[in-house]
Amino acid sequence: MRQKIWLKFLQIHHQGEFAVDVSGNYRMIFEGYDKNDVISTKKAEIVTVQIISIEDYH
């Protein structure tokens, strides 16, 4: 059975970026880009991502 991934849209310190939990307290922070390679926060438009960091958020 496939595990559900929770995508979080970040607003305060990482405005315009997304995060997913990777293990324990760690999450991967990334930006999304549309087909024109322009940064986007609309999930339906995102075709590529760039990983910004992997952080311990506690």
C-alpha atoms as a PDB file:
ATOM      1  CA  MET A   1       0.000   0.000   0.000  1.00  0.00           C
ATOM      2  CA  ARG A   2       1.257   3.432  -0.936  1.00  0.00           C
ATOM      3  CA  GLN A   3       1.927   5.897   1.894  1.00  0.00           C
ATOM      4  CA  LYS A   4       0.231   9.286   1.577  1.00  0.00           C
ATOM      5  CA  ILE A   5       2.616  12.244   1.237  1.00  0.00           C
ATOM      6  CA  TRP A   6       1.578  15.503   2.856  1.00  0.00           C
ATOM      7  CA  LEU A   7       2.622  18.528   0.813  1.00  0.00           C
ATOM      8  CA  LYS A   8       2.821  21.731   2.833  1.00  0.00           C
ATOM      9  CA  PHE A   9       2.798  25.201   1.300  1.00  0.00           C
ATOM     10  CA  LEU A  10       5.120  27.369   3.390  1.00  0.00           C
ATOM     11  CA  GLN A  11       4.432  31.038   4.044  1.00  0.00           C
ATOM     12  CA  ILE A  12       6.471  32.602   6.815  1.00  0.00           C
ATOM     13  CA  HIS A  13      10.218  31.915   6.595  1.00  0.00           C
ATOM     14  CA  HIS A  14      10.032  30.045   3.275  1.00  0.00           C
ATOM     15  CA  GLN A  15       7.400  32.066   1.450  1.00  0.00           C
ATOM     16  CA  GLY A  16       6.467  30.536  -1.901  1.00  0.00           C
ATOM     17  CA  GLU A  17       8.152  27.209  -1.141  1.00  0.00           C
ATOM     18  CA  PHE A  18       6.785  23.754  -0.374  1.00  0.00           C
ATOM     19  CA  ALA A  19       7.801  21.061   2.111  1.00  0.00           C
ATOM     20  CA  VAL A  20       7.340  17.328   2.563  1.00  0.00           C
ATOM     21  CA  ASP A  21       8.280  15.279   5.621  1.00  0.00           C
ATOM     22  CA  VAL A  22      11.106  12.844   4.891  1.00  0.00           C
ATOM     23  CA  SER A  23      11.647  11.224   8.316  1.00  0.00           C
ATOM     24  CA  GLY A  24      11.213  12.054  11.965  1.00  0.00           C
ATOM     25  CA  ASN A  25      11.718  15.796  12.362  1.00  0.00           C
ATOM     26  CA  TYR A  26      13.207  16.317   8.904  1.00  0.00           C
ATOM     27  CA  ARG A  27      11.506  17.918   5.941  1.00  0.00           C
ATOM     28  CA  MET A  28      12.602  18.694   2.399  1.00  0.00           C
ATOM     29  CA  ILE A  29      12.048  22.299   1.281  1.00  0.00           C
ATOM     30  CA  PHE A  30      11.647  22.946  -2.449  1.00  0.00           C
ATOM     31  CA  GLU A  31      10.412  25.389  -5.082  1.00  0.00           C
ATOM     32  CA  GLY A  32       8.163  24.487  -7.993  1.00  0.00           C
ATOM     33  CA  TYR A  33       8.552  25.603 -11.609  1.00  0.00           C
ATOM     34  CA  ASP A  34       6.048  25.620 -14.462  1.00  0.00           C
ATOM     35  CA  LYS A  35       6.612  24.493 -18.072  1.00  0.00           C
ATOM     36  CA  ASN A  36       8.212  27.879 -18.864  1.00  0.00           C
ATOM     37  CA  ASP A  37      10.723  27.425 -16.004  1.00  0.00           C
ATOM     38  CA  VAL A  38       9.056  30.190 -13.985  1.00  0.00           C
ATOM     39  CA  ILE A  39       8.615  29.702 -10.241  1.00  0.00           C
ATOM     40  CA  SER A  40       5.027  28.773  -9.371  1.00  0.00           C
ATOM     41  CA  THR A  41       2.981  28.024  -6.271  1.00  0.00           C
ATOM     42  CA  LYS A  42       0.103  26.481  -8.248  1.00  0.00           C
ATOM     43  CA  LYS A  43       0.438  22.705  -7.846  1.00  0.00           C
ATOM     44  CA  ALA A  44      -1.362  21.982 -11.118  1.00  0.00           C
ATOM     45  CA  GLU A  45       1.215  24.025 -13.076  1.00  0.00           C
ATOM     46  CA  ILE A  46       4.401  22.636 -11.489  1.00  0.00           C
ATOM     47  CA  VAL A  47       6.391  20.291 -13.735  1.00  0.00           C
ATOM     48  CA  THR A  48       9.849  20.484 -12.087  1.00  0.00           C
ATOM     49  CA  VAL A  49      11.158  21.205  -8.593  1.00  0.00           C
ATOM     50  CA  GLN A  50      14.399  22.477  -7.128  1.00  0.00           C
ATOM     51  CA  ILE A  51      15.365  21.218  -3.680  1.00  0.00           C
ATOM     52  CA  ILE A  52      16.369  24.119  -1.429  1.00  0.00           C
ATOM     53  CA  SER A  53      17.284  22.209   1.738  1.00  0.00           C
ATOM     54  CA  ILE A  54      16.558  19.349   4.089  1.00  0.00           C
ATOM     55  CA  GLU A  55      15.973  20.693   7.602  1.00  0.00           C
ATOM     56  CA  ASP A  56      15.316  19.587  11.162  1.00  0.00           C
ATOM     57  CA  TYR A  57      12.319  21.774  12.019  1.00  0.00           C
ATOM     58  CA  HIS A  58      12.088  21.020  15.767  1.00  0.00           C
END
